[in-house]
Amino acid sequence: MTFTGIEGKVALVTGAAQGIGEAVVRSLLQHGAIVAAADRNAAGVQALADEYGDAQRIRAYALDVSNREEAEHVVQAAEQQLGPIDILVNVAGILRMGTVESLSDEDWQATFAVNTSGVFHMCRAVIGSMAARESGCIITVSSNAAGVPRTRMSAYAASKAAATMFTKCLGLEYARKHIRCNVVAPGSTDTEMQRMMWTQGSNIDTVIQGSPDTFRLGIPLGKIAVAQDAANAVLFLASDQAGHITMQELYVDGGATMGV
């Protein structure tokens, strides 16, 4: 699958050390982008960069997106070392599960600090330069849980819903500057985060079949997603082929939310 308009562009990807973020980095590189790969897991993202061994194509940055100063510093460093950021992909996220009664203040605050404030920090850090050049593309990887209630996932779902609406509002504010802002909303995807949930009684089969006890539909396509499925959606939205698309939310969930 080939997308145009990505080659030579500078892309910053958060949550790049594993899962969907790693798949996005690899896919952007395959399409000729120059990538700033950022993650709180400094060793993991550095190992990814070292695998390619070309500092002109990919550089690793240690980054906690919940920290405003770190976000601004990484954006500044990446633009100095690689060039103005053309594409921002917000992938970094955390999951704290539990009933509303059992969630701690720290669970709630940490979830929003990364999943929502982290998106805000990164977008605010790049938007000025994009606006000055009247060009740019921002993609936030959210979740289908942002649009459908989930038991034991209230903090995660609420934080992703907030990040989704923020991204759309950003797209509206900067549309006249030709900056496109879109959302990719994956469903259950075979990543470390998903497998962490399987330790609590579910597995790949129960995810595909659904669970009436937790009011969760199954996956009509009969298979769980892989990280590349979400990465392909990101590539499309970053490409010339999506040049007239902004403020949209693309679900990549095998039909699990029935097109909500």
Protein backbone atom coordinates (compact mmCIF):
# COMPACT_ATOMS: atom_id res chain seq x y z
CA MET A 1 0.00 0.00 0.00
CA THR A 2 1.51 3.33 -1.09
CA PHE A 3 0.50 6.83 -0.02
CA THR A 4 1.86 10.03 -1.55
CA GLY A 5 2.81 13.31 0.08
CA ILE A 6 4.68 11.76 3.01
CA GLU A 7 8.16 11.43 1.52
CA GLY A 8 10.56 14.03 2.89
CA LYS A 9 8.10 15.24 5.54
CA VAL A 10 9.20 15.47 9.17
CA ALA A 11 6.91 13.51 11.49
CA LEU A 12 6.91 13.42 15.28
CA VAL A 13 5.35 10.30 16.80
CA THR A 14 4.69 9.90 20.52
CA GLY A 15 4.33 6.50 22.16
CA ALA A 16 6.80 5.27 19.55
CA ALA A 17 8.57 2.50 21.45
CA GLN A 18 5.97 -0.22 20.98
CA GLY A 19 2.55 -1.18 19.67
CA ILE A 20 0.70 1.20 17.39
CA GLY A 21 3.30 3.93 17.84
CA GLU A 22 6.11 1.67 16.68
CA ALA A 23 4.04 0.52 13.69
CA VAL A 24 3.37 4.15 12.76
CA VAL A 25 7.09 4.98 12.92
CA ARG A 26 8.06 2.04 10.71
CA SER A 27 5.31 2.82 8.21
CA LEU A 28 6.24 6.49 7.96
CA LEU A 29 9.87 5.55 7.38
CA GLN A 30 8.83 3.12 4.64
CA HIS A 31 7.05 6.01 2.94
CA GLY A 32 10.12 8.25 3.09
CA ALA A 33 9.31 10.41 6.10
CA ILE A 34 11.92 11.72 8.52
CA VAL A 35 10.81 10.64 11.98
CA ALA A 36 11.27 12.00 15.48
CA ALA A 37 10.33 8.99 17.60
CA ALA A 38 9.41 9.94 21.17
CA ASP A 39 8.50 7.82 24.16
CA ARG A 40 8.77 7.73 27.94
CA ASN A 41 10.56 4.41 27.42
CA ALA A 42 13.87 5.99 26.40
CA ALA A 43 15.71 2.69 25.96
CA GLY A 44 12.94 1.22 23.81
CA VAL A 45 12.68 4.16 21.46
CA GLN A 46 16.46 4.41 21.19
CA ALA A 47 16.64 0.74 20.24
CA LEU A 48 14.11 1.41 17.49
CA ALA A 49 16.19 4.29 16.14
CA ASP A 50 19.41 2.28 16.39
CA GLU A 51 17.82 -0.46 14.30
CA TYR A 52 17.80 1.93 11.35
CA GLY A 53 21.16 3.50 12.18
CA ASP A 54 20.55 6.74 10.31
CA ALA A 55 20.21 9.91 12.36
CA GLN A 56 19.09 11.80 9.27
CA ARG A 57 16.06 9.52 8.94
CA ILE A 58 15.09 8.82 12.55
CA ARG A 59 16.03 10.18 15.95
CA ALA A 60 14.89 9.04 19.36
CA TYR A 61 13.69 11.39 22.08
CA ALA A 62 12.87 10.59 25.69
CA LEU A 63 9.52 12.21 26.43
CA ASP A 64 6.79 12.16 29.04
CA VAL A 65 3.94 13.89 27.21
CA SER A 66 2.25 14.77 30.49
CA ASN A 67 5.13 17.18 31.16
CA ARG A 68 4.58 20.45 29.29
CA GLU A 69 8.22 21.50 29.44
CA GLU A 70 9.42 18.17 28.07
CA ALA A 71 6.92 18.37 25.22
CA GLU A 72 8.08 21.84 24.24
CA HIS A 73 11.75 20.87 24.55
CA VAL A 74 11.39 17.78 22.34
CA VAL A 75 9.52 19.71 19.66
CA GLN A 76 12.18 22.41 19.69
CA ALA A 77 15.01 19.87 19.55
CA ALA A 78 13.39 17.86 16.77
CA GLU A 79 12.81 20.94 14.64
CA GLN A 80 16.41 22.07 15.13
CA GLN A 81 17.84 18.64 14.28
CA LEU A 82 15.43 17.38 11.62
CA GLY A 83 13.48 20.38 10.36
CA PRO A 84 10.00 21.87 10.86
CA ILE A 85 7.45 19.28 11.94
CA ASP A 86 4.94 18.58 9.19
CA ILE A 87 3.11 15.68 10.82
CA LEU A 88 2.32 15.07 14.50
CA VAL A 89 0.94 11.69 15.53
CA ASN A 90 -0.26 11.48 19.14
CA VAL A 91 -0.14 7.81 20.12
CA ALA A 92 1.13 7.87 23.73
CA GLY A 93 -1.50 6.58 26.15
CA ILE A 94 -2.02 4.65 29.36
CA LEU A 95 -4.84 2.48 30.71
CA ARG A 96 -5.95 2.34 34.34
CA MET A 97 -8.87 -0.05 34.78
CA GLY A 98 -11.36 -0.29 37.60
CA THR A 99 -14.90 0.52 38.63
CA VAL A 100 -15.64 4.16 39.33
CA GLU A 101 -15.69 3.38 43.03
CA SER A 102 -12.32 1.66 42.95
CA LEU A 103 -10.45 4.19 40.82
CA SER A 104 -8.08 6.32 42.86
CA ASP A 105 -7.51 10.03 42.37
CA GLU A 106 -4.05 9.13 41.05
CA ASP A 107 -5.53 6.69 38.51
CA TRP A 108 -7.86 9.36 37.17
CA GLN A 109 -5.31 12.15 37.13
CA ALA A 110 -2.56 10.05 35.57
CA THR A 111 -4.88 8.85 32.82
CA PHE A 112 -5.93 12.37 31.88
CA ALA A 113 -2.38 13.69 32.24
CA VAL A 114 -1.14 11.38 29.49
CA ASN A 115 -4.17 10.69 27.30
CA THR A 116 -5.65 14.18 27.27
CA SER A 117 -3.16 16.76 28.56
CA GLY A 118 -0.39 15.00 26.65
CA VAL A 119 -2.26 15.54 23.38
CA PHE A 120 -2.83 19.19 24.32
CA HIS A 121 0.83 19.73 25.19
CA MET A 122 2.08 18.24 21.93
CA CYS A 123 -0.44 20.01 19.72
CA ARG A 124 0.17 23.38 21.34
CA ALA A 125 3.92 22.91 20.94
CA VAL A 126 3.74 22.33 17.16
CA ILE A 127 0.76 24.41 16.11
CA GLY A 128 2.48 27.80 16.04
CA SER A 129 5.12 26.70 13.56
CA MET A 130 2.55 24.89 11.43
CA ALA A 131 0.30 27.95 11.39
CA ALA A 132 3.17 30.22 10.38
CA ARG A 133 3.89 27.91 7.41
CA GLU A 134 0.16 27.39 6.75
CA SER A 135 0.74 23.68 6.47
CA GLY A 136 0.56 20.68 8.75
CA CYS A 137 -1.22 17.51 9.75
CA ILE A 138 -2.10 16.30 13.24
CA ILE A 139 -3.47 12.83 13.95
CA THR A 140 -4.54 11.69 17.40
CA VAL A 141 -4.84 7.97 18.04
CA SER A 142 -7.82 7.74 20.34
CA SER A 143 -10.05 4.69 20.90
CA ASN A 144 -13.49 3.43 19.99
CA ALA A 145 -14.08 3.55 23.76
CA ALA A 146 -14.32 7.33 23.33
CA GLY A 147 -17.71 6.85 21.69
CA VAL A 148 -19.11 3.78 23.47
CA PRO A 149 -19.36 3.29 27.26
CA ARG A 150 -17.17 0.54 28.71
CA THR A 151 -17.36 -1.04 32.14
CA ARG A 152 -14.22 -0.61 34.28
CA MET A 153 -12.80 1.81 31.70
CA SER A 154 -14.40 5.12 32.66
CA ALA A 155 -11.14 7.05 33.10
CA TYR A 156 -9.70 5.74 29.84
CA ALA A 157 -12.88 6.29 27.82
CA ALA A 158 -13.44 9.78 29.22
CA SER A 159 -9.83 10.81 28.60
CA LYS A 160 -9.95 9.55 25.02
CA ALA A 161 -13.28 11.29 24.41
CA ALA A 162 -11.74 14.54 25.59
CA ALA A 163 -8.69 14.08 23.37
CA THR A 164 -10.94 13.31 20.41
CA MET A 165 -13.03 16.46 20.79
CA PHE A 166 -9.95 18.58 21.47
CA THR A 167 -8.41 17.39 18.20
CA LYS A 168 -11.57 18.24 16.27
CA CYS A 169 -11.76 21.69 17.85
CA LEU A 170 -8.11 22.26 16.94
CA GLY A 171 -8.92 21.30 13.36
CA LEU A 172 -11.72 23.86 13.24
CA GLU A 173 -9.58 26.65 14.71
CA TYR A 174 -6.74 26.09 12.24
CA ALA A 175 -8.58 24.99 9.10
CA ARG A 176 -7.94 28.37 7.45
CA LYS A 177 -4.24 27.77 8.04
CA HIS A 178 -4.55 24.56 6.02
CA ILE A 179 -3.77 22.35 9.03
CA ARG A 180 -5.72 19.10 9.01
CA CYS A 181 -6.55 17.46 12.35
CA ASN A 182 -8.07 13.99 12.47
CA VAL A 183 -8.58 11.07 14.83
CA VAL A 184 -7.95 7.35 14.43
CA ALA A 185 -10.06 5.31 16.85
CA PRO A 186 -8.86 1.70 17.09
CA GLY A 187 -10.83 -1.02 18.77
CA SER A 188 -9.27 -4.07 20.39
CA THR A 189 -5.77 -4.37 18.96
CA ASP A 190 -3.14 -6.99 19.71
CA THR A 191 -0.74 -4.79 21.69
CA GLU A 192 0.84 -4.92 25.11
CA MET A 193 -2.00 -2.79 26.50
CA GLN A 194 -4.60 -5.22 25.17
CA ARG A 195 -2.75 -8.24 26.52
CA MET A 196 -2.58 -6.57 29.93
CA MET A 197 -6.39 -6.65 29.94
CA TRP A 198 -6.37 -10.37 29.15
CA THR A 199 -4.78 -11.11 32.52
CA GLN A 200 -8.11 -10.16 34.07
CA GLY A 201 -10.12 -13.06 32.66
CA SER A 202 -10.55 -12.23 28.99
CA ASN A 203 -8.61 -13.44 25.97
CA ILE A 204 -8.57 -13.06 22.21
CA ASP A 205 -11.58 -15.35 21.79
CA THR A 206 -13.74 -13.52 24.32
CA VAL A 207 -12.81 -10.18 22.71
CA ILE A 208 -13.89 -11.41 19.28
CA GLN A 209 -17.10 -13.03 20.58
CA GLY A 210 -18.04 -10.17 22.89
CA SER A 211 -19.34 -10.26 26.45
CA PRO A 212 -23.03 -9.71 27.29
CA ASP A 213 -22.12 -9.51 30.99
CA THR A 214 -20.05 -6.40 30.34
CA PHE A 215 -22.34 -5.01 27.62
CA ARG A 216 -19.59 -5.39 25.05
CA LEU A 217 -20.32 -6.35 21.46
CA GLY A 218 -17.98 -8.69 19.63
CA ILE A 219 -16.08 -7.94 16.44
CA PRO A 220 -18.20 -8.60 13.32
CA LEU A 221 -15.14 -9.18 11.12
CA GLY A 222 -14.24 -12.08 13.41
CA LYS A 223 -10.65 -11.08 14.11
CA ILE A 224 -8.70 -8.79 16.36
CA ALA A 225 -6.77 -5.89 14.86
CA VAL A 226 -3.00 -5.70 14.67
CA ALA A 227 -1.03 -2.50 15.17
CA GLN A 228 -0.47 -2.13 11.44
CA ASP A 229 -4.21 -1.74 10.88
CA ALA A 230 -4.18 1.48 12.89
CA ALA A 231 -0.89 2.56 11.32
CA ASN A 232 -2.42 2.22 7.85
CA ALA A 233 -5.23 4.56 8.88
CA VAL A 234 -2.68 7.07 10.18
CA LEU A 235 -0.75 6.90 6.91
CA PHE A 236 -3.89 7.55 4.91
CA LEU A 237 -4.84 10.58 6.98
CA ALA A 238 -1.30 11.95 6.73
CA SER A 239 -1.18 11.52 2.96
CA ASP A 240 -2.23 13.55 -0.06
CA GLN A 241 -5.05 11.06 -0.51
CA ALA A 242 -6.72 12.61 2.58
CA GLY A 243 -5.96 16.17 1.53
CA HIS A 244 -9.59 17.31 1.91
CA ILE A 245 -10.29 15.47 5.16
CA THR A 246 -10.18 17.20 8.53
CA MET A 247 -12.00 17.01 11.88
CA GLN A 248 -12.93 13.38 11.19
CA GLU A 249 -12.80 10.25 13.34
CA LEU A 250 -11.88 7.00 11.61
CA TYR A 251 -12.86 3.85 13.52
CA VAL A 252 -10.57 0.87 13.01
CA ASP A 253 -12.38 -1.77 15.04
CA GLY A 254 -13.71 -4.45 12.70
CA GLY A 255 -17.24 -3.12 13.15
CA ALA A 256 -17.27 -3.56 16.93
CA THR A 257 -19.08 -0.27 17.48
CA MET A 258 -21.52 -0.83 14.64
CA GLY A 259 -20.52 2.40 12.93
CA VAL A 260 -21.32 4.68 15.88
